[in-house]
Amino acid sequence: MARITIRIEDELLDRLSRRARRVGVTVSELVRPALEHAADSRAGYVFTSQDEILAGVLQTMSIVAAAVRKRSPETLEQGMADARALLHEKGLLAPGELP
């Protein structure tokens, strides 16, 4: 198997290492699928599909949040707290952000 060397910021390596530990893989195993996707000419630009999915999810969640806020602000507040806890558990909150 070939080896590549890339330079990244220490903070990025720390985040990748934490994420890899949480899911029980090495950093190489974590990033290898992204490299494979980037090399696949049929897959298109590596960020496009993720950005489109994220945009759709954000729009849907905004509509749901608006509807819940109107009916029950307390339910919305609890749902947001639950979401932050899940994001924290998966390592998706920025360092220093509280769940």
PDB file of N, CA and C in Angstrom:
ATOM      1  N   MET A   1       0.851  -1.179   0.000  1.00  0.00           N
ATOM      2  CA  MET A   1       0.000   0.000   0.000  1.00  0.00           C
ATOM      3  C   MET A   1       0.892   1.236   0.000  1.00  0.00           C
ATOM      4  N   ALA A   2       0.538   2.203  -0.810  1.00  0.00           N
ATOM      5  CA  ALA A   2       1.307   3.445  -0.895  1.00  0.00           C
ATOM      6  C   ALA A   2       1.050   4.319   0.323  1.00  0.00           C
ATOM      7  N   ARG A   3       1.926   5.282   0.514  1.00  0.00           N
ATOM      8  CA  ARG A   3       1.805   6.198   1.643  1.00  0.00           C
ATOM      9  C   ARG A   3       1.908   7.619   1.108  1.00  0.00           C
ATOM     10  N   ILE A   4       1.087   8.523   1.645  1.00  0.00           N
ATOM     11  CA  ILE A   4       1.204   9.941   1.298  1.00  0.00           C
ATOM     12  C   ILE A   4       1.439  10.725   2.576  1.00  0.00           C
ATOM     13  N   THR A   5       2.047  11.876   2.428  1.00  0.00           N
ATOM     14  CA  THR A   5       2.283  12.766   3.560  1.00  0.00           C
ATOM     15  C   THR A   5       1.649  14.108   3.225  1.00  0.00           C
ATOM     16  N   ILE A   6       0.834  14.601   4.144  1.00  0.00           N
ATOM     17  CA  ILE A   6       0.227  15.921   3.960  1.00  0.00           C
ATOM     18  C   ILE A   6       0.463  16.732   5.232  1.00  0.00           C
ATOM     19  N   ARG A   7       0.471  18.030   5.082  1.00  0.00           N
ATOM     20  CA  ARG A   7       0.626  18.916   6.237  1.00  0.00           C
ATOM     21  C   ARG A   7      -0.743  19.503   6.569  1.00  0.00           C
ATOM     22  N   ILE A   8      -1.103  19.390   7.842  1.00  0.00           N
ATOM     23  CA  ILE A   8      -2.352  19.980   8.321  1.00  0.00           C
ATOM     24  C   ILE A   8      -2.075  20.667   9.646  1.00  0.00           C
ATOM     25  N   GLU A   9      -2.954  21.551  10.023  1.00  0.00           N
ATOM     26  CA  GLU A   9      -2.823  22.242  11.302  1.00  0.00           C
ATOM     27  C   GLU A   9      -2.928  21.236  12.442  1.00  0.00           C
ATOM     28  N   ASP A  10      -2.204  21.489  13.530  1.00  0.00           N
ATOM     29  CA  ASP A  10      -2.243  20.605  14.695  1.00  0.00           C
ATOM     30  C   ASP A  10      -3.667  20.439  15.225  1.00  0.00           C
ATOM     31  N   GLU A  11      -4.423  21.536  15.227  1.00  0.00           N
ATOM     32  CA  GLU A  11      -5.795  21.493  15.749  1.00  0.00           C
ATOM     33  C   GLU A  11      -6.666  20.563  14.909  1.00  0.00           C
ATOM     34  N   LEU A  12      -6.463  20.565  13.600  1.00  0.00           N
ATOM     35  CA  LEU A  12      -7.227  19.669  12.730  1.00  0.00           C
ATOM     36  C   LEU A  12      -6.862  18.217  13.019  1.00  0.00           C
ATOM     37  N   LEU A  13      -5.582  17.945  13.184  1.00  0.00           N
ATOM     38  CA  LEU A  13      -5.168  16.580  13.518  1.00  0.00           C
ATOM     39  C   LEU A  13      -5.766  16.142  14.856  1.00  0.00           C
ATOM     40  N   ASP A  14      -5.803  17.035  15.823  1.00  0.00           N
ATOM     41  CA  ASP A  14      -6.416  16.710  17.122  1.00  0.00           C
ATOM     42  C   ASP A  14      -7.885  16.352  16.953  1.00  0.00           C
ATOM     43  N   ARG A  15      -8.602  17.149  16.156  1.00  0.00           N
ATOM     44  CA  ARG A  15     -10.028  16.873  15.935  1.00  0.00           C
ATOM     45  C   ARG A  15     -10.224  15.547  15.213  1.00  0.00           C
ATOM     46  N   LEU A  16      -9.397  15.296  14.192  1.00  0.00           N
ATOM     47  CA  LEU A  16      -9.499  14.027  13.467  1.00  0.00           C
ATOM     48  C   LEU A  16      -9.190  12.852  14.387  1.00  0.00           C
ATOM     49  N   SER A  17      -8.196  13.006  15.225  1.00  0.00           N
ATOM     50  CA  SER A  17      -7.823  11.933  16.156  1.00  0.00           C
ATOM     51  C   SER A  17      -8.947  11.646  17.143  1.00  0.00           C
ATOM     52  N   ARG A  18      -9.553  12.707  17.681  1.00  0.00           N
ATOM     53  CA  ARG A  18     -10.680  12.512  18.622  1.00  0.00           C
ATOM     54  C   ARG A  18     -11.844  11.816  17.927  1.00  0.00           C
ATOM     55  N   ARG A  19     -12.145  12.260  16.717  1.00  0.00           N
ATOM     56  CA  ARG A  19     -13.259  11.673  15.969  1.00  0.00           C
ATOM     57  C   ARG A  19     -12.987  10.202  15.661  1.00  0.00           C
ATOM     58  N   ALA A  20     -11.766   9.903  15.253  1.00  0.00           N
ATOM     59  CA  ALA A  20     -11.397   8.523  14.941  1.00  0.00           C
ATOM     60  C   ALA A  20     -11.512   7.640  16.185  1.00  0.00           C
ATOM     61  N   ARG A  21     -11.028   8.136  17.325  1.00  0.00           N
ATOM     62  CA  ARG A  21     -11.135   7.357  18.569  1.00  0.00           C
ATOM     63  C   ARG A  21     -12.585   7.078  18.917  1.00  0.00           C
ATOM     64  N   ARG A  22     -13.438   8.087  18.747  1.00  0.00           N
ATOM     65  CA  ARG A  22     -14.860   7.916  19.094  1.00  0.00           C
ATOM     66  C   ARG A  22     -15.534   6.828  18.276  1.00  0.00           C
ATOM     67  N   VAL A  23     -15.120   6.692  17.027  1.00  0.00           N
ATOM     68  CA  VAL A  23     -15.750   5.682  16.170  1.00  0.00           C
ATOM     69  C   VAL A  23     -14.934   4.406  16.068  1.00  0.00           C
ATOM     70  N   GLY A  24     -13.791   4.356  16.779  1.00  0.00           N
ATOM     71  CA  GLY A  24     -13.015   3.133  16.860  1.00  0.00           C
ATOM     72  C   GLY A  24     -12.197   2.784  15.630  1.00  0.00           C
ATOM     73  N   VAL A  25     -11.677   3.818  14.942  1.00  0.00           N
ATOM     74  CA  VAL A  25     -10.832   3.580  13.773  1.00  0.00           C
ATOM     75  C   VAL A  25      -9.581   4.440  13.889  1.00  0.00           C
ATOM     76  N   THR A  26      -8.611   4.183  13.003  1.00  0.00           N
ATOM     77  CA  THR A  26      -7.430   5.033  12.940  1.00  0.00           C
ATOM     78  C   THR A  26      -7.767   6.292  12.141  1.00  0.00           C
ATOM     79  N   VAL A  27      -6.907   7.297  12.252  1.00  0.00           N
ATOM     80  CA  VAL A  27      -7.101   8.510  11.459  1.00  0.00           C
ATOM     81  C   VAL A  27      -7.061   8.162   9.974  1.00  0.00           C
ATOM     82  N   SER A  28      -6.158   7.275   9.586  1.00  0.00           N
ATOM     83  CA  SER A  28      -6.082   6.866   8.176  1.00  0.00           C
ATOM     84  C   SER A  28      -7.398   6.243   7.712  1.00  0.00           C
ATOM     85  N   GLU A  29      -7.963   5.372   8.537  1.00  0.00           N
ATOM     86  CA  GLU A  29      -9.236   4.734   8.169  1.00  0.00           C
ATOM     87  C   GLU A  29     -10.359   5.759   8.100  1.00  0.00           C
ATOM     88  N   LEU A  30     -10.274   6.785   8.933  1.00  0.00           N
ATOM     89  CA  LEU A  30     -11.307   7.827   8.943  1.00  0.00           C
ATOM     90  C   LEU A  30     -11.263   8.672   7.669  1.00  0.00           C
ATOM     91  N   VAL A  31     -10.064   9.037   7.219  1.00  0.00           N
ATOM     92  CA  VAL A  31      -9.964   9.942   6.067  1.00  0.00           C
ATOM     93  C   VAL A  31      -9.888   9.228   4.725  1.00  0.00           C
ATOM     94  N   ARG A  32      -9.566   7.942   4.727  1.00  0.00           N
ATOM     95  CA  ARG A  32      -9.419   7.206   3.464  1.00  0.00           C
ATOM     96  C   ARG A  32     -10.685   7.293   2.585  1.00  0.00           C
ATOM     97  N   PRO A  33     -11.904   7.124   3.129  1.00  0.00           N
ATOM     98  CA  PRO A  33     -13.093   7.239   2.267  1.00  0.00           C
ATOM     99  C   PRO A  33     -13.225   8.615   1.609  1.00  0.00           C
ATOM    100  N   ALA A  34     -12.827   9.676   2.313  1.00  0.00           N
ATOM    101  CA  ALA A  34     -12.885  11.016   1.710  1.00  0.00           C
ATOM    102  C   ALA A  34     -11.905  11.128   0.550  1.00  0.00           C
ATOM    103  N   LEU A  35     -10.729  10.530   0.703  1.00  0.00           N
ATOM    104  CA  LEU A  35      -9.757  10.542  -0.391  1.00  0.00           C
ATOM    105  C   LEU A  35     -10.250   9.722  -1.575  1.00  0.00           C
ATOM    106  N   GLU A  36     -10.841   8.573  -1.300  1.00  0.00           N
ATOM    107  CA  GLU A  36     -11.390   7.742  -2.379  1.00  0.00           C
ATOM    108  C   GLU A  36     -12.493   8.489  -3.114  1.00  0.00           C
ATOM    109  N   HIS A  37     -13.346   9.175  -2.379  1.00  0.00           N
ATOM    110  CA  HIS A  37     -14.424   9.945  -2.991  1.00  0.00           C
ATOM    111  C   HIS A  37     -13.861  11.076  -3.853  1.00  0.00           C
ATOM    112  N   ALA A  38     -12.838  11.763  -3.340  1.00  0.00           N
ATOM    113  CA  ALA A  38     -12.226  12.875  -4.086  1.00  0.00           C
ATOM    114  C   ALA A  38     -11.584  12.384  -5.378  1.00  0.00           C
ATOM    115  N   ALA A  39     -11.093  11.149  -5.394  1.00  0.00           N
ATOM    116  CA  ALA A  39     -10.418  10.608  -6.576  1.00  0.00           C
ATOM    117  C   ALA A  39     -11.381  10.026  -7.605  1.00  0.00           C
ATOM    118  N   ASP A  40     -12.646   9.858  -7.238  1.00  0.00           N
ATOM    119  CA  ASP A  40     -13.629   9.246  -8.128  1.00  0.00           C
ATOM    120  C   ASP A  40     -14.234  10.315  -9.034  1.00  0.00           C
ATOM    121  N   SER A  41     -13.894  10.282 -10.318  1.00  0.00           N
ATOM    122  CA  SER A  41     -14.386  11.307 -11.244  1.00  0.00           C
ATOM    123  C   SER A  41     -15.896  11.246 -11.425  1.00  0.00           C
ATOM    124  N   ARG A  42     -16.499  10.105 -11.140  1.00  0.00           N
ATOM    125  CA  ARG A  42     -17.959   9.988 -11.265  1.00  0.00           C
ATOM    126  C   ARG A  42     -18.684  10.624 -10.084  1.00  0.00           C
ATOM    127  N   ALA A  43     -17.964  10.853  -8.987  1.00  0.00           N
ATOM    128  CA  ALA A  43     -18.591  11.364  -7.763  1.00  0.00           C
ATOM    129  C   ALA A  43     -18.791  12.867  -7.792  1.00  0.00           C
ATOM    130  N   GLY A  44     -18.186  13.552  -8.736  1.00  0.00           N
ATOM    131  CA  GLY A  44     -18.314  15.003  -8.790  1.00  0.00           C
ATOM    132  C   GLY A  44     -17.431  15.663  -7.744  1.00  0.00           C
ATOM    133  N   TYR A  45     -17.615  16.949  -7.603  1.00  0.00           N
ATOM    134  CA  TYR A  45     -16.841  17.720  -6.643  1.00  0.00           C
ATOM    135  C   TYR A  45     -17.087  17.171  -5.249  1.00  0.00           C
ATOM    136  N   VAL A  46     -16.042  16.978  -4.489  1.00  0.00           N
ATOM    137  CA  VAL A  46     -16.121  16.243  -3.227  1.00  0.00           C
ATOM    138  C   VAL A  46     -17.084  16.864  -2.219  1.00  0.00           C
ATOM    139  N   PHE A  47     -17.303  18.167  -2.240  1.00  0.00           N
ATOM    140  CA  PHE A  47     -18.161  18.789  -1.245  1.00  0.00           C
ATOM    141  C   PHE A  47     -19.586  19.024  -1.722  1.00  0.00           C
ATOM    142  N   THR A  48     -19.836  18.933  -3.013  1.00  0.00           N
ATOM    143  CA  THR A  48     -21.134  19.311  -3.558  1.00  0.00           C
ATOM    144  C   THR A  48     -22.288  18.535  -2.948  1.00  0.00           C
ATOM    145  N   SER A  49     -22.234  17.218  -2.981  1.00  0.00           N
ATOM    146  CA  SER A  49     -23.383  16.453  -2.509  1.00  0.00           C
ATOM    147  C   SER A  49     -23.610  16.665  -1.022  1.00  0.00           C
ATOM    148  N   GLN A  50     -22.544  16.789  -0.260  1.00  0.00           N
ATOM    149  CA  GLN A  50     -22.698  17.013   1.171  1.00  0.00           C
ATOM    150  C   GLN A  50     -23.316  18.380   1.436  1.00  0.00           C
ATOM    151  N   ASP A  51     -22.886  19.389   0.686  1.00  0.00           N
ATOM    152  CA  ASP A  51     -23.435  20.722   0.857  1.00  0.00           C
ATOM    153  C   ASP A  51     -24.920  20.746   0.508  1.00  0.00           C
ATOM    154  N   GLU A  52     -25.304  20.046  -0.564  1.00  0.00           N
ATOM    155  CA  GLU A  52     -26.705  20.011  -0.967  1.00  0.00           C
ATOM    156  C   GLU A  52     -27.555  19.292   0.073  1.00  0.00           C
ATOM    157  N   ILE A  53     -27.046  18.201   0.603  1.00  0.00           N
ATOM    158  CA  ILE A  53     -27.773  17.473   1.649  1.00  0.00           C
ATOM    159  C   ILE A  53     -27.903  18.348   2.887  1.00  0.00           C
ATOM    160  N   LEU A  54     -26.815  18.989   3.287  1.00  0.00           N
ATOM    161  CA  LEU A  54     -26.842  19.855   4.456  1.00  0.00           C
ATOM    162  C   LEU A  54     -27.849  20.990   4.270  1.00  0.00           C
ATOM    163  N   ALA A  55     -27.880  21.591   3.092  1.00  0.00           N
ATOM    164  CA  ALA A  55     -28.824  22.677   2.829  1.00  0.00           C
ATOM    165  C   ALA A  55     -30.266  22.192   2.980  1.00  0.00           C
ATOM    166  N   GLY A  56     -30.553  21.024   2.434  1.00  0.00           N
ATOM    167  CA  GLY A  56     -31.907  20.469   2.555  1.00  0.00           C
ATOM    168  C   GLY A  56     -32.273  20.161   3.989  1.00  0.00           C
ATOM    169  N   VAL A  57     -31.346  19.594   4.731  1.00  0.00           N
ATOM    170  CA  VAL A  57     -31.597  19.272   6.141  1.00  0.00           C
ATOM    171  C   VAL A  57     -31.818  20.551   6.938  1.00  0.00           C
ATOM    172  N   LEU A  58     -30.999  21.568   6.712  1.00  0.00           N
ATOM    173  CA  LEU A  58     -31.157  22.826   7.447  1.00  0.00           C
ATOM    174  C   LEU A  58     -32.502  23.482   7.154  1.00  0.00           C
ATOM    175  N   GLN A  59     -32.918  23.455   5.902  1.00  0.00           N
ATOM    176  CA  GLN A  59     -34.213  24.039   5.564  1.00  0.00           C
ATOM    177  C   GLN A  59     -35.345  23.280   6.247  1.00  0.00           C
ATOM    178  N   THR A  60     -35.282  21.961   6.197  1.00  0.00           N
ATOM    179  CA  THR A  60     -36.319  21.138   6.820  1.00  0.00           C
ATOM    180  C   THR A  60     -36.356  21.363   8.326  1.00  0.00           C
ATOM    181  N   MET A  61     -35.182  21.366   8.943  1.00  0.00           N
ATOM    182  CA  MET A  61     -35.137  21.548  10.395  1.00  0.00           C
ATOM    183  C   MET A  61     -35.605  22.938  10.795  1.00  0.00           C
ATOM    184  N   SER A  62     -35.341  23.934   9.992  1.00  0.00           N
ATOM    185  CA  SER A  62     -35.812  25.288  10.285  1.00  0.00           C
ATOM    186  C   SER A  62     -37.329  25.352  10.278  1.00  0.00           C
ATOM    187  N   ILE A  63     -37.941  24.687   9.319  1.00  0.00           N
ATOM    188  CA  ILE A  63     -39.406  24.650   9.243  1.00  0.00           C
ATOM    189  C   ILE A  63     -39.977  23.919  10.453  1.00  0.00           C
ATOM    190  N   VAL A  64     -39.400  22.780  10.792  1.00  0.00           N
ATOM    191  CA  VAL A  64     -39.868  22.009  11.959  1.00  0.00           C
ATOM    192  C   VAL A  64     -39.690  22.830  13.232  1.00  0.00           C
ATOM    193  N   ALA A  65     -38.529  23.469  13.396  1.00  0.00           N
ATOM    194  CA  ALA A  65     -38.275  24.267  14.600  1.00  0.00           C
ATOM    195  C   ALA A  65     -39.275  25.414  14.717  1.00  0.00           C
ATOM    196  N   ALA A  66     -39.589  26.062  13.601  1.00  0.00           N
ATOM    197  CA  ALA A  66     -40.561  27.166  13.633  1.00  0.00           C
ATOM    198  C   ALA A  66     -41.939  26.661  14.061  1.00  0.00           C
ATOM    199  N   ALA A  67     -42.334  25.500  13.550  1.00  0.00           N
ATOM    200  CA  ALA A  67     -43.639  24.947  13.914  1.00  0.00           C
ATOM    201  C   ALA A  67     -43.673  24.552  15.397  1.00  0.00           C
ATOM    202  N   VAL A  68     -42.610  23.929  15.877  1.00  0.00           N
ATOM    203  CA  VAL A  68     -42.551  23.513  17.284  1.00  0.00           C
ATOM    204  C   VAL A  68     -42.499  24.736  18.191  1.00  0.00           C
ATOM    205  N   ARG A  69     -41.714  25.750  17.821  1.00  0.00           N
ATOM    206  CA  ARG A  69     -41.608  26.965  18.627  1.00  0.00           C
ATOM    207  C   ARG A  69     -42.972  27.609  18.821  1.00  0.00           C
ATOM    208  N   LYS A  70     -43.787  27.608  17.759  1.00  0.00           N
ATOM    209  CA  LYS A  70     -45.106  28.238  17.830  1.00  0.00           C
ATOM    210  C   LYS A  70     -46.030  27.479  18.787  1.00  0.00           C
ATOM    211  N   ARG A  71     -45.920  26.145  18.786  1.00  0.00           N
ATOM    212  CA  ARG A  71     -46.795  25.321  19.616  1.00  0.00           C
ATOM    213  C   ARG A  71     -46.272  25.156  21.035  1.00  0.00           C
ATOM    214  N   SER A  72     -44.953  24.993  21.194  1.00  0.00           N
ATOM    215  CA  SER A  72     -44.396  24.700  22.516  1.00  0.00           C
ATOM    216  C   SER A  72     -42.935  25.123  22.588  1.00  0.00           C
ATOM    217  N   PRO A  73     -42.681  26.340  23.050  1.00  0.00           N
ATOM    218  CA  PRO A  73     -41.298  26.804  23.178  1.00  0.00           C
ATOM    219  C   PRO A  73     -40.453  25.893  24.080  1.00  0.00           C
ATOM    220  N   GLU A  74     -41.089  25.305  25.099  1.00  0.00           N
ATOM    221  CA  GLU A  74     -40.364  24.417  26.016  1.00  0.00           C
ATOM    222  C   GLU A  74     -39.896  23.153  25.284  1.00  0.00           C
ATOM    223  N   THR A  75     -40.730  22.621  24.413  1.00  0.00           N
ATOM    224  CA  THR A  75     -40.351  21.436  23.642  1.00  0.00           C
ATOM    225  C   THR A  75     -39.198  21.763  22.711  1.00  0.00           C
ATOM    226  N   LEU A  76     -39.239  22.923  22.080  1.00  0.00           N
ATOM    227  CA  LEU A  76     -38.148  23.342  21.210  1.00  0.00           C
ATOM    228  C   LEU A  76     -36.852  23.457  22.006  1.00  0.00           C
ATOM    229  N   GLU A  77     -36.916  24.079  23.171  1.00  0.00           N
ATOM    230  CA  GLU A  77     -35.725  24.240  24.010  1.00  0.00           C
ATOM    231  C   GLU A  77     -35.144  22.875  24.395  1.00  0.00           C
ATOM    232  N   GLN A  78     -35.999  21.933  24.787  1.00  0.00           N
ATOM    233  CA  GLN A  78     -35.527  20.597  25.145  1.00  0.00           C
ATOM    234  C   GLN A  78     -34.949  19.878  23.932  1.00  0.00           C
ATOM    235  N   GLY A  79     -35.587  20.014  22.779  1.00  0.00           N
ATOM    236  CA  GLY A  79     -35.075  19.390  21.567  1.00  0.00           C
ATOM    237  C   GLY A  79     -33.707  19.929  21.174  1.00  0.00           C
ATOM    238  N   MET A  80     -33.515  21.234  21.312  1.00  0.00           N
ATOM    239  CA  MET A  80     -32.216  21.829  21.003  1.00  0.00           C
ATOM    240  C   MET A  80     -31.143  21.338  21.973  1.00  0.00           C
ATOM    241  N   ALA A  81     -31.495  21.212  23.247  1.00  0.00           N
ATOM    242  CA  ALA A  81     -30.538  20.693  24.231  1.00  0.00           C
ATOM    243  C   ALA A  81     -30.172  19.244  23.902  1.00  0.00           C
ATOM    244  N   ASP A  82     -31.168  18.451  23.535  1.00  0.00           N
ATOM    245  CA  ASP A  82     -30.909  17.059  23.153  1.00  0.00           C
ATOM    246  C   ASP A  82     -30.011  16.993  21.922  1.00  0.00           C
ATOM    247  N   ALA A  83     -30.272  17.867  20.942  1.00  0.00           N
ATOM    248  CA  ALA A  83     -29.465  17.886  19.724  1.00  0.00           C
ATOM    249  C   ALA A  83     -28.016  18.256  20.036  1.00  0.00           C
ATOM    250  N   ARG A  84     -27.818  19.273  20.899  1.00  0.00           N
ATOM    251  CA  ARG A  84     -26.451  19.658  21.278  1.00  0.00           C
ATOM    252  C   ARG A  84     -25.732  18.508  21.973  1.00  0.00           C
ATOM    253  N   ALA A  85     -26.443  17.776  22.835  1.00  0.00           N
ATOM    254  CA  ALA A  85     -25.831  16.634  23.526  1.00  0.00           C
ATOM    255  C   ALA A  85     -25.408  15.560  22.520  1.00  0.00           C
ATOM    256  N   LEU A  86     -26.249  15.288  21.536  1.00  0.00           N
ATOM    257  CA  LEU A  86     -25.897  14.299  20.511  1.00  0.00           C
ATOM    258  C   LEU A  86     -24.719  14.769  19.666  1.00  0.00           C
ATOM    259  N   LEU A  87     -24.720  16.041  19.289  1.00  0.00           N
ATOM    260  CA  LEU A  87     -23.605  16.587  18.513  1.00  0.00           C
ATOM    261  C   LEU A  87     -22.305  16.509  19.313  1.00  0.00           C
ATOM    262  N   HIS A  88     -22.391  16.820  20.605  1.00  0.00           N
ATOM    263  CA  HIS A  88     -21.215  16.739  21.472  1.00  0.00           C
ATOM    264  C   HIS A  88     -20.698  15.301  21.546  1.00  0.00           C
ATOM    265  N   GLU A  89     -21.608  14.358  21.717  1.00  0.00           N
ATOM    266  CA  GLU A  89     -21.249  12.941  21.803  1.00  0.00           C
ATOM    267  C   GLU A  89     -20.531  12.464  20.537  1.00  0.00           C
ATOM    268  N   LYS A  90     -20.936  12.979  19.387  1.00  0.00           N
ATOM    269  CA  LYS A  90     -20.346  12.569  18.105  1.00  0.00           C
ATOM    270  C   LYS A  90     -19.122  13.406  17.724  1.00  0.00           C
ATOM    271  N   GLY A  91     -18.759  14.366  18.584  1.00  0.00           N
ATOM    272  CA  GLY A  91     -17.597  15.197  18.292  1.00  0.00           C
ATOM    273  C   GLY A  91     -17.853  16.252  17.240  1.00  0.00           C
ATOM    274  N   LEU A  92     -19.099  16.674  17.101  1.00  0.00           N
ATOM    275  CA  LEU A  92     -19.455  17.627  16.045  1.00  0.00           C
ATOM    276  C   LEU A  92     -19.634  19.058  16.540  1.00  0.00           C
ATOM    277  N   LEU A  93     -19.396  19.289  17.831  1.00  0.00           N
ATOM    278  CA  LEU A  93     -19.435  20.658  18.346  1.00  0.00           C
ATOM    279  C   LEU A  93     -18.022  21.206  18.330  1.00  0.00           C
ATOM    280  N   ALA A  94     -17.915  22.500  18.073  1.00  0.00           N
ATOM    281  CA  ALA A  94     -16.605  23.139  18.088  1.00  0.00           C
ATOM    282  C   ALA A  94     -16.025  23.059  19.508  1.00  0.00           C
ATOM    283  N   PRO A  95     -14.696  22.993  19.634  1.00  0.00           N
ATOM    284  CA  PRO A  95     -14.095  22.961  20.963  1.00  0.00           C
ATOM    285  C   PRO A  95     -14.568  24.150  21.784  1.00  0.00           C
ATOM    286  N   GLY A  96     -14.928  23.913  23.007  1.00  0.00           N
ATOM    287  CA  GLY A  96     -15.402  24.977  23.890  1.00  0.00           C
ATOM    288  C   GLY A  96     -16.898  25.177  23.873  1.00  0.00           C
ATOM    289  N   GLU A  97     -17.600  24.620  22.885  1.00  0.00           N
ATOM    290  CA  GLU A  97     -19.058  24.732  22.847  1.00  0.00           C
ATOM    291  C   GLU A  97     -19.634  23.760  23.849  1.00  0.00           C
ATOM    292  N   LEU A  98     -20.557  24.228  24.627  1.00  0.00           N
ATOM    293  CA  LEU A  98     -21.183  23.384  25.623  1.00  0.00           C
ATOM    294  C   LEU A  98     -22.344  22.604  25.022  1.00  0.00           C
ATOM    295  N   PRO A  99     -22.507  21.355  25.451  1.00  0.00           N
ATOM    296  CA  PRO A  99     -23.659  20.575  24.944  1.00  0.00           C
ATOM    297  C   PRO A  99     -24.963  21.104  25.489  1.00  0.00           C
TER     298      PRO A  99
END
